[in-house]
Amino acid sequence: MKISKKVAIDYIYITIGVLLLGFAIIAFWRPHNLVTGGISGLAIIIFHYTSEAGFNIPIPIWLSNLVLNVPLFAIGYKVVPRDYFFRSLYGYLALTAALYALMFVPEVPSDLLTSAIFGGVVGGVGISFILRARATTGGSTLITAILQRWALPHVSMAKILFFVDSAIVLAGLLVFGPIYAMYAVIAVFVTTKVTDAVIEGLTFSKATFIITQQSDIIADKILQDMDRGVTEISSRGRYTKQEQTMLLCVVPVKEIVTLKQLVYSVDEKAFVIVTDVREVLGEGFKAGKDF
């Protein structure tokens, strides 16, 4: 069976993602008992308990990840779409292998705060790579999909995932105490922000709404002088009762000053609204096929 270039790239993304996530878990979170949720959080608790109980060989993170995910994938096979399931199965097995291999990497010297922040950055980049490839590594995400399908169909996945991960973080609070739990929350916050930033892109743009009586002139100048597209939107002033054309133009941040100067060079009374845009797909920006 021939594998398309896009599928191959997705699996490369998953591989890179699990390596980064595994490194964050082994090098930053486990040494400082930072339970950030998911199966990896439970694995850290199990590792701690088996170490304290005097086991000759504490149950390693990779083994807990391997065993605890088995029933989830057995159930998930009947719940989630096939393509998503097999990508996630690969992510789960690859993460298990990464956690095993990274056990032999020397521990990164760091304190609690450094581990929370840098672990969050590395883990967030890793998770974003996995999610961009439309996959997971099992764990709480798969638990969420199963719960929504069988028990909570009217509750959003985001809410279920929040409560699942919160329960695991709470378990970390009970085991390791409030100080470690607070740093774990910092790690979760950084991980979430970095994941969102990488998925949505770091190149922000600005959407500009322009209300003016000189819409035709301004639109032509934007098209000719800035080589940017403009959309005309029919609007009506509630106070004046006048019908008018509002212009919508999206530009990179570096061009917003040029756009405002162009508008006010034509109409000093123009009403301009500028808002942030996190991602733009299409001509002049990121190609939709690259999404």
Protein backbone atom coordinates (compact mmCIF):
# COMPACT_ATOMS: atom_id res chain seq x y z
CA MET A 1 0.00 0.00 0.00
CA LYS A 2 1.43 3.35 -1.03
CA ILE A 3 1.69 5.94 1.74
CA SER A 4 1.06 9.54 0.73
CA LYS A 5 3.60 12.25 1.46
CA LYS A 6 1.13 14.00 3.78
CA VAL A 7 0.61 10.85 5.88
CA ALA A 8 4.37 10.25 6.08
CA ILE A 9 4.91 13.83 7.26
CA ASP A 10 2.19 13.41 9.89
CA TYR A 11 3.92 10.33 11.32
CA ILE A 12 7.22 12.22 11.37
CA TYR A 13 5.46 14.98 13.34
CA ILE A 14 4.12 12.39 15.79
CA THR A 15 7.59 10.89 16.24
CA ILE A 16 9.21 14.26 16.93
CA GLY A 17 6.33 15.19 19.21
CA VAL A 18 6.57 12.08 21.40
CA LEU A 19 10.34 12.49 21.72
CA LEU A 20 9.90 16.04 23.00
CA LEU A 21 7.01 15.09 25.29
CA GLY A 22 8.93 12.09 26.62
CA PHE A 23 11.94 14.29 27.32
CA ALA A 24 9.77 16.78 29.24
CA ILE A 25 8.33 13.97 31.36
CA ILE A 26 11.63 12.21 32.12
CA ALA A 27 13.99 15.18 32.37
CA PHE A 28 11.77 17.81 34.01
CA TRP A 29 8.51 16.52 35.48
CA ARG A 30 9.33 13.13 36.97
CA PRO A 31 12.46 14.21 38.93
CA HIS A 32 10.40 16.92 40.69
CA ASN A 33 7.13 14.96 41.04
CA LEU A 34 5.16 17.35 38.83
CA VAL A 35 1.87 15.60 38.09
CA THR A 36 0.52 17.46 35.06
CA GLY A 37 -2.38 15.13 34.29
CA GLY A 38 -2.84 12.26 31.89
CA ILE A 39 -1.46 8.74 32.13
CA SER A 40 2.04 10.18 32.54
CA GLY A 41 0.86 11.88 35.74
CA LEU A 42 -0.46 8.59 37.10
CA ALA A 43 2.80 6.92 36.05
CA ILE A 44 4.80 9.46 38.08
CA ILE A 45 2.64 8.69 41.15
CA ILE A 46 3.11 4.94 40.65
CA PHE A 47 6.87 5.39 40.24
CA HIS A 48 6.97 7.39 43.49
CA TYR A 49 4.95 4.85 45.48
CA THR A 50 6.94 1.85 44.26
CA SER A 51 10.17 3.71 45.05
CA GLU A 52 8.99 4.57 48.57
CA ALA A 53 7.70 1.03 49.15
CA GLY A 54 11.21 -0.34 48.74
CA PHE A 55 10.74 -2.20 45.48
CA ASN A 56 14.05 -3.49 44.13
CA ILE A 57 13.11 -1.94 40.80
CA PRO A 58 10.43 0.80 40.96
CA ILE A 59 7.79 0.52 38.23
CA PRO A 60 9.17 2.77 35.47
CA ILE A 61 7.17 5.46 33.68
CA TRP A 62 7.27 3.64 30.35
CA LEU A 63 5.81 0.44 31.79
CA SER A 64 2.91 2.24 33.50
CA ASN A 65 2.21 4.12 30.25
CA LEU A 66 2.22 0.84 28.32
CA VAL A 67 -0.06 -1.07 30.71
CA LEU A 68 -2.56 1.66 31.68
CA ASN A 69 -3.29 2.55 28.06
CA VAL A 70 -4.09 -1.01 26.95
CA PRO A 71 -7.72 -1.09 28.20
CA LEU A 72 -8.28 2.45 26.89
CA PHE A 73 -7.25 1.50 23.37
CA ALA A 74 -9.23 -1.73 23.56
CA ILE A 75 -12.36 0.33 24.27
CA GLY A 76 -11.31 3.20 22.01
CA TYR A 77 -11.13 0.89 18.99
CA LYS A 78 -14.93 0.82 19.01
CA VAL A 79 -15.36 4.52 19.81
CA VAL A 80 -13.00 6.71 17.78
CA PRO A 81 -12.55 6.95 13.98
CA ARG A 82 -10.15 4.39 12.52
CA ASP A 83 -7.58 6.84 11.11
CA TYR A 84 -7.47 8.74 14.40
CA PHE A 85 -7.22 5.45 16.32
CA PHE A 86 -4.22 4.13 14.39
CA ARG A 87 -2.38 7.46 14.52
CA SER A 88 -2.99 7.56 18.28
CA LEU A 89 -1.93 3.93 18.66
CA TYR A 90 1.35 4.80 16.96
CA GLY A 91 1.72 7.86 19.21
CA TYR A 92 1.10 5.76 22.32
CA LEU A 93 3.62 3.06 21.35
CA ALA A 94 6.18 5.62 20.20
CA LEU A 95 5.84 7.55 23.48
CA THR A 96 6.29 4.32 25.44
CA ALA A 97 9.47 3.58 23.47
CA ALA A 98 10.69 7.15 23.98
CA LEU A 99 10.07 6.99 27.73
CA TYR A 100 12.08 3.76 27.88
CA ALA A 101 14.99 5.11 25.81
CA LEU A 102 15.11 8.42 27.68
CA MET A 103 15.55 6.66 31.04
CA PHE A 104 19.24 6.43 30.14
CA VAL A 105 19.57 10.16 29.44
CA PRO A 106 21.31 12.07 32.29
CA GLU A 107 18.94 14.11 34.46
CA VAL A 108 18.83 17.82 33.66
CA PRO A 109 19.91 19.81 36.77
CA SER A 110 17.06 22.19 37.60
CA ASP A 111 14.84 23.48 40.38
CA LEU A 112 11.04 23.25 40.62
CA LEU A 113 10.29 26.48 38.77
CA THR A 114 12.76 25.81 35.97
CA SER A 115 11.38 22.29 35.53
CA ALA A 116 7.80 23.57 35.44
CA ILE A 117 8.56 26.26 32.85
CA PHE A 118 11.01 24.47 30.57
CA GLY A 119 9.16 21.19 30.88
CA GLY A 120 6.02 23.06 29.86
CA VAL A 121 7.76 24.60 26.85
CA VAL A 122 9.27 21.33 25.62
CA GLY A 123 6.12 19.34 26.39
CA GLY A 124 3.90 21.97 24.78
CA VAL A 125 5.89 21.91 21.52
CA GLY A 126 5.75 18.10 21.55
CA ILE A 127 1.99 17.99 22.13
CA SER A 128 1.40 20.56 19.39
CA PHE A 129 3.30 18.40 16.89
CA ILE A 130 1.18 15.39 17.84
CA LEU A 131 -2.09 17.31 17.62
CA ARG A 132 -1.16 18.88 14.27
CA ALA A 133 -0.82 15.32 12.95
CA ARG A 134 -4.38 14.62 14.19
CA ALA A 135 -3.27 12.11 16.81
CA THR A 136 -2.85 11.67 20.56
CA THR A 137 -0.75 9.44 22.80
CA GLY A 138 -3.84 7.93 24.45
CA GLY A 139 -4.24 8.79 28.12
CA SER A 140 -6.73 11.41 29.25
CA THR A 141 -7.64 12.44 25.70
CA LEU A 142 -8.77 8.91 24.89
CA ILE A 143 -10.54 8.64 28.25
CA THR A 144 -12.40 11.83 27.34
CA ALA A 145 -13.48 10.46 23.95
CA ILE A 146 -14.77 7.26 25.57
CA LEU A 147 -16.66 9.11 28.33
CA GLN A 148 -18.30 11.47 25.85
CA ARG A 149 -19.36 8.64 23.56
CA TRP A 150 -20.79 6.34 26.24
CA ALA A 151 -21.67 8.40 29.31
CA LEU A 152 -21.63 12.16 28.68
CA PRO A 153 -22.73 12.84 25.08
CA HIS A 154 -24.07 16.31 25.89
CA VAL A 155 -20.87 17.55 27.55
CA SER A 156 -18.07 19.05 25.45
CA MET A 157 -14.74 17.23 25.20
CA ALA A 158 -12.92 20.28 26.57
CA LYS A 159 -14.93 20.18 29.79
CA ILE A 160 -14.55 16.43 30.24
CA LEU A 161 -10.81 16.64 29.57
CA PHE A 162 -10.51 19.44 32.12
CA PHE A 163 -12.16 17.37 34.84
CA VAL A 164 -10.20 14.20 33.97
CA ASP A 165 -6.84 15.99 34.12
CA SER A 166 -7.92 17.96 37.20
CA ALA A 167 -8.67 14.68 39.01
CA ILE A 168 -5.15 13.44 38.20
CA VAL A 169 -3.56 16.73 39.31
CA LEU A 170 -5.63 16.49 42.52
CA ALA A 171 -4.22 13.00 43.07
CA GLY A 172 -0.75 14.55 42.74
CA LEU A 173 -1.74 17.15 45.33
CA LEU A 174 -2.74 14.42 47.79
CA VAL A 175 0.45 12.44 47.19
CA PHE A 176 3.11 15.15 46.94
CA GLY A 177 1.53 18.11 48.72
CA PRO A 178 0.46 21.64 47.72
CA ILE A 179 3.88 23.04 46.72
CA TYR A 180 4.44 20.41 44.05
CA ALA A 181 0.83 20.73 42.92
CA MET A 182 1.17 24.50 42.45
CA TYR A 183 4.28 24.06 40.31
CA ALA A 184 2.45 21.35 38.36
CA VAL A 185 -0.30 23.88 37.61
CA ILE A 186 2.38 26.27 36.30
CA ALA A 187 3.67 23.47 34.07
CA VAL A 188 0.14 22.79 32.78
CA PHE A 189 -0.41 26.51 32.08
CA VAL A 190 2.87 26.87 30.15
CA THR A 191 2.22 23.63 28.25
CA THR A 192 -1.24 24.82 27.20
CA LYS A 193 -0.05 28.26 26.08
CA VAL A 194 2.89 26.87 24.10
CA THR A 195 0.68 24.21 22.48
CA ASP A 196 -1.84 26.85 21.38
CA ALA A 197 0.90 29.17 20.10
CA VAL A 198 2.56 26.49 17.97
CA ILE A 199 -0.71 25.09 16.58
CA GLU A 200 -2.17 28.50 15.74
CA GLY A 201 1.14 29.89 14.50
CA LEU A 202 3.45 32.54 15.86
CA THR A 203 2.89 34.89 12.90
CA PHE A 204 -0.04 37.03 14.00
CA SER A 205 -2.05 39.24 11.68
CA LYS A 206 -4.48 42.11 12.07
CA ALA A 207 -8.04 42.35 10.77
CA THR A 208 -9.07 45.90 9.98
CA PHE A 209 -12.67 47.11 9.59
CA ILE A 210 -12.85 50.48 7.84
CA ILE A 211 -16.01 52.59 7.82
CA THR A 212 -15.67 55.53 5.43
CA GLN A 213 -17.48 57.55 2.81
CA GLN A 214 -14.49 57.03 0.51
CA SER A 215 -14.61 53.25 0.42
CA ASP A 216 -14.06 52.92 -3.34
CA ILE A 217 -10.92 55.08 -3.32
CA ILE A 218 -9.47 53.42 -0.22
CA ALA A 219 -10.20 49.92 -1.51
CA ASP A 220 -8.48 50.67 -4.82
CA LYS A 221 -5.41 52.09 -3.07
CA ILE A 222 -5.14 49.04 -0.80
CA LEU A 223 -5.32 46.75 -3.82
CA GLN A 224 -2.82 48.75 -5.87
CA ASP A 225 -0.38 50.18 -3.30
CA MET A 226 -0.33 47.33 -0.76
CA ASP A 227 -1.28 44.40 -3.00
CA ARG A 228 -3.73 43.20 -0.34
CA GLY A 229 -7.25 41.92 -0.79
CA VAL A 230 -10.26 43.86 0.44
CA THR A 231 -13.79 42.66 1.15
CA GLU A 232 -16.75 45.03 0.90
CA ILE A 233 -19.48 44.54 3.50
CA SER A 234 -22.83 46.31 3.22
CA SER A 235 -23.66 48.09 6.48
CA ARG A 236 -26.11 50.61 7.89
CA GLY A 237 -25.44 53.19 10.58
CA ARG A 238 -27.97 52.81 13.39
CA TYR A 239 -27.79 56.49 14.35
CA THR A 240 -27.54 58.07 10.88
CA LYS A 241 -29.74 55.44 9.16
CA GLN A 242 -27.37 55.71 6.18
CA GLU A 243 -26.41 52.76 4.01
CA GLN A 244 -22.66 52.50 3.53
CA THR A 245 -19.87 50.10 2.60
CA MET A 246 -17.53 48.77 5.28
CA LEU A 247 -14.16 47.42 4.19
CA LEU A 248 -12.49 44.36 5.72
CA CYS A 249 -8.76 43.91 5.17
CA VAL A 250 -6.40 41.43 6.84
CA VAL A 251 -2.69 42.28 6.87
CA PRO A 252 0.45 41.11 8.69
CA VAL A 253 1.30 43.08 11.84
CA LYS A 254 4.20 44.83 10.13
CA GLU A 255 1.82 46.35 7.54
CA ILE A 256 -0.83 47.71 9.89
CA VAL A 257 0.80 51.15 10.24
CA THR A 258 1.06 51.48 6.45
CA LEU A 259 -2.63 50.57 6.14
CA LYS A 260 -3.76 53.15 8.68
CA GLN A 261 -1.63 55.84 7.05
CA LEU A 262 -3.16 54.99 3.69
CA VAL A 263 -6.72 55.18 5.05
CA TYR A 264 -6.28 58.53 6.78
CA SER A 265 -4.46 60.04 3.81
CA VAL A 266 -7.75 59.63 1.94
CA ASP A 267 -10.33 60.20 4.68
CA GLU A 268 -9.37 61.86 7.97
CA LYS A 269 -12.83 61.05 9.39
CA ALA A 270 -12.66 57.32 8.68
CA PHE A 271 -13.64 54.99 11.54
CA VAL A 272 -11.11 52.15 11.81
CA ILE A 273 -11.35 49.04 13.99
CA VAL A 274 -8.23 46.87 14.35
CA THR A 275 -8.38 43.43 15.95
CA ASP A 276 -5.96 40.52 16.38
CA VAL A 277 -6.12 37.50 14.10
CA ARG A 278 -4.33 34.37 15.30
CA GLU A 279 -4.17 32.54 11.98
CA VAL A 280 -4.91 33.31 8.33
CA LEU A 281 -5.10 30.71 5.56
CA GLY A 282 -5.27 31.66 1.90
CA GLU A 283 -3.57 33.71 -0.78
CA GLY A 284 -0.95 36.06 0.60
CA PHE A 285 -0.71 34.14 3.88
CA LYS A 286 -0.23 30.48 4.81
CA ALA A 287 -1.44 28.06 2.15
CA GLY A 288 -4.50 26.06 3.12
CA LYS A 289 -2.86 22.84 1.86
CA ASP A 290 -0.17 23.24 4.54
CA PHE A 291 -2.72 23.15 7.34
